[in-house]
């Protein structure tokens, strides 16, 4: 009887081991081997908008694609500007493609493209709809001719990639339709 129990345990062990091996092979066939890590060169710039962690790709020269469903539907954005010295918050409506100088300063805000439902597909910024699901505007902020910030302001996520300046904070509040 003891030999039968030992033989049965041995058979069960072999079946268990064979099942695990088949399962492991199946998982390799389905998912394939894990991707090899790819070397990524990331450079850090002189200004805060390019000081990013090494695992964040450089999208500063990414393409911006505005779908036909979005083109011509938006004419301006409303930016909130906080003067950290006076603690005043003011709202400024700036047309897309125009530049605006903040009052009593040499800080200029150039408003670029607006995407109502921004997504990033690889290295392309685009909008998946004309609905205000993830509104974002690309801006270039400079002072005395020196570029301080080039990036996106998000109305739903104002602290994501914010503009850093000793005196001013600039955020996207709203958008004006055409």
C-alpha atoms as a PDB file:
ATOM      1  CA  UNK A   1       0.000   0.000   0.000  1.00  0.00           C
ATOM      2  CA  UNK A   2       2.877   2.309   0.822  1.00  0.00           C
ATOM      3  CA  UNK A   3       4.339   1.791  -2.661  1.00  0.00           C
ATOM      4  CA  UNK A   4       0.991   2.684  -4.299  1.00  0.00           C
ATOM      5  CA  UNK A   5       0.783   5.931  -2.297  1.00  0.00           C
ATOM      6  CA  UNK A   6       4.378   6.830  -3.188  1.00  0.00           C
ATOM      7  CA  UNK A   7       3.771   6.043  -6.869  1.00  0.00           C
ATOM      8  CA  UNK A   8       0.559   8.104  -6.859  1.00  0.00           C
ATOM      9  CA  UNK A   9       2.339  11.056  -5.224  1.00  0.00           C
ATOM     10  CA  UNK A  10       5.142  10.766  -7.769  1.00  0.00           C
ATOM     11  CA  UNK A  11       2.656  10.766 -10.675  1.00  0.00           C
ATOM     12  CA  UNK A  12       0.815  13.786  -9.217  1.00  0.00           C
ATOM     13  CA  UNK A  13       4.113  15.641  -8.777  1.00  0.00           C
ATOM     14  CA  UNK A  14       5.139  14.923 -12.383  1.00  0.00           C
ATOM     15  CA  UNK A  15       1.724  16.058 -13.697  1.00  0.00           C
ATOM     16  CA  UNK A  16       1.950  19.240 -11.632  1.00  0.00           C
ATOM     17  CA  UNK A  17       5.458  19.960 -12.889  1.00  0.00           C
ATOM     18  CA  UNK A  18       4.432  19.299 -16.507  1.00  0.00           C
ATOM     19  CA  UNK A  19       1.393  21.601 -16.200  1.00  0.00           C
ATOM     20  CA  UNK A  20       3.489  24.426 -14.762  1.00  0.00           C
ATOM     21  CA  UNK A  21       6.038  24.071 -17.576  1.00  0.00           C
ATOM     22  CA  UNK A  22       3.297  24.168 -20.251  1.00  0.00           C
ATOM     23  CA  UNK A  23       1.757  27.207 -18.547  1.00  0.00           C
ATOM     24  CA  UNK A  24       5.112  28.991 -18.465  1.00  0.00           C
ATOM     25  CA  UNK A  25       5.717  28.195 -22.155  1.00  0.00           C
ATOM     26  CA  UNK A  26       2.212  29.395 -23.015  1.00  0.00           C
ATOM     27  CA  UNK A  27       2.804  32.695 -21.221  1.00  0.00           C
ATOM     28  CA  UNK A  28       6.058  33.187 -23.171  1.00  0.00           C
ATOM     29  CA  UNK A  29       4.243  32.468 -26.453  1.00  0.00           C
ATOM     30  CA  UNK A  30       1.382  34.858 -25.632  1.00  0.00           C
ATOM     31  CA  UNK A  31       3.328  37.754 -24.250  1.00  0.00           C
ATOM     32  CA  UNK A  32       6.729  37.130 -25.736  1.00  0.00           C
ATOM     33  CA  UNK A  33       9.901  37.933 -23.938  1.00  0.00           C
ATOM     34  CA  UNK A  34       9.928  41.164 -21.977  1.00  0.00           C
ATOM     35  CA  UNK A  35      11.000  44.131 -24.089  1.00  0.00           C
ATOM     36  CA  UNK A  36      14.656  44.998 -23.880  1.00  0.00           C
ATOM     37  CA  UNK A  37      15.250  48.347 -22.247  1.00  0.00           C
ATOM     38  CA  UNK A  38      16.009  50.984 -24.820  1.00  0.00           C
ATOM     39  CA  UNK A  39      18.595  53.648 -24.306  1.00  0.00           C
ATOM     40  CA  UNK A  40      17.063  57.063 -24.271  1.00  0.00           C
ATOM     41  CA  UNK A  41      19.016  60.244 -24.463  1.00  0.00           C
ATOM     42  CA  UNK A  42      17.436  62.985 -22.459  1.00  0.00           C
ATOM     43  CA  UNK A  43      19.068  66.326 -22.069  1.00  0.00           C
ATOM     44  CA  UNK A  44      18.272  68.885 -19.452  1.00  0.00           C
ATOM     45  CA  UNK A  45      18.015  72.493 -20.525  1.00  0.00           C
ATOM     46  CA  UNK A  46      18.633  75.803 -18.851  1.00  0.00           C
ATOM     47  CA  UNK A  47      15.049  76.601 -18.014  1.00  0.00           C
ATOM     48  CA  UNK A  48      12.490  74.776 -15.840  1.00  0.00           C
ATOM     49  CA  UNK A  49      10.258  73.549 -18.652  1.00  0.00           C
ATOM     50  CA  UNK A  50      12.996  71.151 -19.813  1.00  0.00           C
ATOM     51  CA  UNK A  51      14.173  69.990 -16.381  1.00  0.00           C
ATOM     52  CA  UNK A  52      12.389  66.662 -16.481  1.00  0.00           C
ATOM     53  CA  UNK A  53      13.141  63.245 -15.064  1.00  0.00           C
ATOM     54  CA  UNK A  54      15.297  61.003 -17.237  1.00  0.00           C
ATOM     55  CA  UNK A  55      12.377  58.621 -17.932  1.00  0.00           C
ATOM     56  CA  UNK A  56      10.229  61.367 -19.504  1.00  0.00           C
ATOM     57  CA  UNK A  57      10.767  61.698 -23.266  1.00  0.00           C
ATOM     58  CA  UNK A  58      11.629  65.058 -24.785  1.00  0.00           C
ATOM     59  CA  UNK A  59       8.491  66.238 -26.576  1.00  0.00           C
ATOM     60  CA  UNK A  60       9.644  69.835 -27.048  1.00  0.00           C
ATOM     61  CA  UNK A  61       9.823  69.382 -30.830  1.00  0.00           C
ATOM     62  CA  UNK A  62       6.775  67.137 -31.113  1.00  0.00           C
ATOM     63  CA  UNK A  63       4.315  67.690 -33.941  1.00  0.00           C
ATOM     64  CA  UNK A  64       0.984  69.347 -33.212  1.00  0.00           C
ATOM     65  CA  UNK A  65      -1.911  68.072 -35.313  1.00  0.00           C
ATOM     66  CA  UNK A  66      -5.212  69.946 -35.163  1.00  0.00           C
ATOM     67  CA  UNK A  67      -8.069  67.821 -36.550  1.00  0.00           C
ATOM     68  CA  UNK A  68     -10.569  69.383 -38.959  1.00  0.00           C
ATOM     69  CA  UNK A  69     -13.285  69.010 -36.304  1.00  0.00           C
ATOM     70  CA  UNK A  70     -11.309  71.434 -34.087  1.00  0.00           C
ATOM     71  CA  UNK A  71      -9.904  73.900 -36.664  1.00  0.00           C
ATOM     72  CA  UNK A  72     -11.538  77.321 -36.494  1.00  0.00           C
ATOM     73  CA  UNK A  73     -13.832  76.404 -33.595  1.00  0.00           C
ATOM     74  CA  UNK A  74     -11.860  78.268 -30.899  1.00  0.00           C
ATOM     75  CA  UNK A  75     -10.601  81.860 -31.051  1.00  0.00           C
ATOM     76  CA  UNK A  76      -9.099  82.733 -27.657  1.00  0.00           C
ATOM     77  CA  UNK A  77      -8.156  81.510 -24.214  1.00  0.00           C
ATOM     78  CA  UNK A  78      -8.678  83.050 -20.798  1.00  0.00           C
ATOM     79  CA  UNK A  79      -5.527  82.977 -18.696  1.00  0.00           C
ATOM     80  CA  UNK A  80      -5.397  83.631 -14.975  1.00  0.00           C
ATOM     81  CA  UNK A  81      -2.317  85.577 -13.936  1.00  0.00           C
ATOM     82  CA  UNK A  82      -1.327  85.785 -10.299  1.00  0.00           C
ATOM     83  CA  UNK A  83       1.091  88.532  -9.324  1.00  0.00           C
ATOM     84  CA  UNK A  84       2.885  87.003  -6.356  1.00  0.00           C
ATOM     85  CA  UNK A  85       4.144  90.417  -5.192  1.00  0.00           C
ATOM     86  CA  UNK A  86       0.763  92.157  -5.043  1.00  0.00           C
ATOM     87  CA  UNK A  87      -1.299  88.973  -4.529  1.00  0.00           C
ATOM     88  CA  UNK A  88      -3.610  90.112  -7.320  1.00  0.00           C
ATOM     89  CA  UNK A  89      -5.202  87.615  -9.665  1.00  0.00           C
ATOM     90  CA  UNK A  90      -6.328  88.937 -13.026  1.00  0.00           C
ATOM     91  CA  UNK A  91      -7.964  87.322 -16.026  1.00  0.00           C
ATOM     92  CA  UNK A  92      -6.691  88.016 -19.534  1.00  0.00           C
ATOM     93  CA  UNK A  93      -8.383  86.954 -22.767  1.00  0.00           C
ATOM     94  CA  UNK A  94      -5.767  86.405 -25.480  1.00  0.00           C
ATOM     95  CA  UNK A  95      -6.498  85.382 -29.064  1.00  0.00           C
ATOM     96  CA  UNK A  96      -4.852  82.229 -30.356  1.00  0.00           C
ATOM     97  CA  UNK A  97      -1.621  83.088 -32.144  1.00  0.00           C
ATOM     98  CA  UNK A  98      -1.220  86.445 -30.378  1.00  0.00           C
ATOM     99  CA  UNK A  99       1.290  87.723 -27.838  1.00  0.00           C
ATOM    100  CA  UNK A 100       0.396  89.588 -24.660  1.00  0.00           C
ATOM    101  CA  UNK A 101       2.683  91.487 -22.258  1.00  0.00           C
ATOM    102  CA  UNK A 102       1.751  91.108 -18.601  1.00  0.00           C
ATOM    103  CA  UNK A 103       0.969  94.498 -17.002  1.00  0.00           C
ATOM    104  CA  UNK A 104       3.907  96.362 -15.409  1.00  0.00           C
ATOM    105  CA  UNK A 105       6.448  93.783 -16.582  1.00  0.00           C
ATOM    106  CA  UNK A 106       8.539  92.588 -19.487  1.00  0.00           C
ATOM    107  CA  UNK A 107       6.991  89.109 -19.352  1.00  0.00           C
ATOM    108  CA  UNK A 108       5.323  88.152 -22.639  1.00  0.00           C
ATOM    109  CA  UNK A 109       2.912  85.284 -23.199  1.00  0.00           C
ATOM    110  CA  UNK A 110       2.559  84.005 -26.764  1.00  0.00           C
ATOM    111  CA  UNK A 111      -0.526  81.849 -27.132  1.00  0.00           C
ATOM    112  CA  UNK A 112      -0.200  79.013 -29.608  1.00  0.00           C
ATOM    113  CA  UNK A 113      -2.417  76.077 -30.443  1.00  0.00           C
ATOM    114  CA  UNK A 114      -5.464  75.082 -28.409  1.00  0.00           C
ATOM    115  CA  UNK A 115      -6.605  71.469 -28.176  1.00  0.00           C
ATOM    116  CA  UNK A 116      -9.953  70.816 -26.418  1.00  0.00           C
ATOM    117  CA  UNK A 117      -9.367  67.091 -25.798  1.00  0.00           C
ATOM    118  CA  UNK A 118      -5.582  66.794 -25.831  1.00  0.00           C
ATOM    119  CA  UNK A 119      -3.887  63.438 -26.130  1.00  0.00           C
ATOM    120  CA  UNK A 120      -0.327  62.513 -27.003  1.00  0.00           C
ATOM    121  CA  UNK A 121       0.073  59.813 -29.631  1.00  0.00           C
ATOM    122  CA  UNK A 122       3.768  58.965 -29.748  1.00  0.00           C
ATOM    123  CA  UNK A 123       5.323  62.352 -30.466  1.00  0.00           C
ATOM    124  CA  UNK A 124       2.166  64.004 -31.803  1.00  0.00           C
ATOM    125  CA  UNK A 125      -0.082  66.283 -29.775  1.00  0.00           C
ATOM    126  CA  UNK A 126      -3.662  66.177 -31.042  1.00  0.00           C
ATOM    127  CA  UNK A 127      -7.285  66.255 -29.934  1.00  0.00           C
ATOM    128  CA  UNK A 128      -9.578  63.233 -30.084  1.00  0.00           C
ATOM    129  CA  UNK A 129     -12.714  65.388 -30.100  1.00  0.00           C
ATOM    130  CA  UNK A 130     -13.933  68.976 -30.003  1.00  0.00           C
ATOM    131  CA  UNK A 131     -15.356  68.502 -26.506  1.00  0.00           C
ATOM    132  CA  UNK A 132     -13.650  70.187 -23.555  1.00  0.00           C
ATOM    133  CA  UNK A 133     -12.503  66.943 -21.942  1.00  0.00           C
ATOM    134  CA  UNK A 134      -8.795  67.818 -21.544  1.00  0.00           C
ATOM    135  CA  UNK A 135      -8.407  71.457 -22.628  1.00  0.00           C
ATOM    136  CA  UNK A 136      -4.830  72.594 -23.151  1.00  0.00           C
ATOM    137  CA  UNK A 137      -3.073  75.512 -24.782  1.00  0.00           C
ATOM    138  CA  UNK A 138       0.541  75.711 -25.887  1.00  0.00           C
ATOM    139  CA  UNK A 139       2.281  78.878 -24.743  1.00  0.00           C
ATOM    140  CA  UNK A 140       5.719  80.411 -24.974  1.00  0.00           C
ATOM    141  CA  UNK A 141       6.545  82.735 -22.091  1.00  0.00           C
ATOM    142  CA  UNK A 142       9.563  85.003 -22.297  1.00  0.00           C
ATOM    143  CA  UNK A 143      11.081  87.855 -20.340  1.00  0.00           C
ATOM    144  CA  UNK A 144      13.409  90.447 -21.841  1.00  0.00           C
ATOM    145  CA  UNK A 145      13.633  88.309 -24.984  1.00  0.00           C
ATOM    146  CA  UNK A 146      14.727  85.157 -23.100  1.00  0.00           C
ATOM    147  CA  UNK A 147      12.432  82.137 -23.353  1.00  0.00           C
ATOM    148  CA  UNK A 148      11.393  81.014 -19.869  1.00  0.00           C
ATOM    149  CA  UNK A 149       8.743  78.429 -20.672  1.00  0.00           C
ATOM    150  CA  UNK A 150       7.547  76.574 -23.742  1.00  0.00           C
ATOM    151  CA  UNK A 151       4.853  74.055 -23.060  1.00  0.00           C
ATOM    152  CA  UNK A 152       1.243  73.300 -22.361  1.00  0.00           C
ATOM    153  CA  UNK A 153      -1.123  74.766 -19.782  1.00  0.00           C
ATOM    154  CA  UNK A 154      -3.994  72.474 -18.770  1.00  0.00           C
ATOM    155  CA  UNK A 155      -7.228  73.885 -17.338  1.00  0.00           C
ATOM    156  CA  UNK A 156      -8.134  70.633 -15.565  1.00  0.00           C
ATOM    157  CA  UNK A 157      -4.596  70.103 -14.232  1.00  0.00           C
ATOM    158  CA  UNK A 158      -3.137  73.572 -13.554  1.00  0.00           C
ATOM    159  CA  UNK A 159      -0.231  72.199 -11.511  1.00  0.00           C
ATOM    160  CA  UNK A 160       0.929  69.775 -14.209  1.00  0.00           C
ATOM    161  CA  UNK A 161       4.052  71.283 -15.838  1.00  0.00           C
ATOM    162  CA  UNK A 162       3.295  74.744 -14.431  1.00  0.00           C
ATOM    163  CA  UNK A 163       5.085  77.924 -15.446  1.00  0.00           C
ATOM    164  CA  UNK A 164       7.621  78.788 -12.723  1.00  0.00           C
ATOM    165  CA  UNK A 165       8.510  82.446 -12.166  1.00  0.00           C
ATOM    166  CA  UNK A 166       9.453  84.454  -9.061  1.00  0.00           C
ATOM    167  CA  UNK A 167       6.692  86.993  -9.662  1.00  0.00           C
ATOM    168  CA  UNK A 168       3.982  85.441 -11.861  1.00  0.00           C
ATOM    169  CA  UNK A 169       1.891  82.298 -12.018  1.00  0.00           C
ATOM    170  CA  UNK A 170      -0.038  81.699 -15.253  1.00  0.00           C
ATOM    171  CA  UNK A 171      -2.811  79.126 -15.626  1.00  0.00           C
ATOM    172  CA  UNK A 172      -5.442  78.286 -18.244  1.00  0.00           C
ATOM    173  CA  UNK A 173      -8.922  79.145 -16.976  1.00  0.00           C
ATOM    174  CA  UNK A 174     -11.206  78.885 -19.979  1.00  0.00           C
ATOM    175  CA  UNK A 175     -11.522  79.065 -23.743  1.00  0.00           C
ATOM    176  CA  UNK A 176     -13.559  81.273 -26.060  1.00  0.00           C
ATOM    177  CA  UNK A 177     -15.318  79.645 -29.003  1.00  0.00           C
ATOM    178  CA  UNK A 178     -15.214  81.212 -32.457  1.00  0.00           C
END
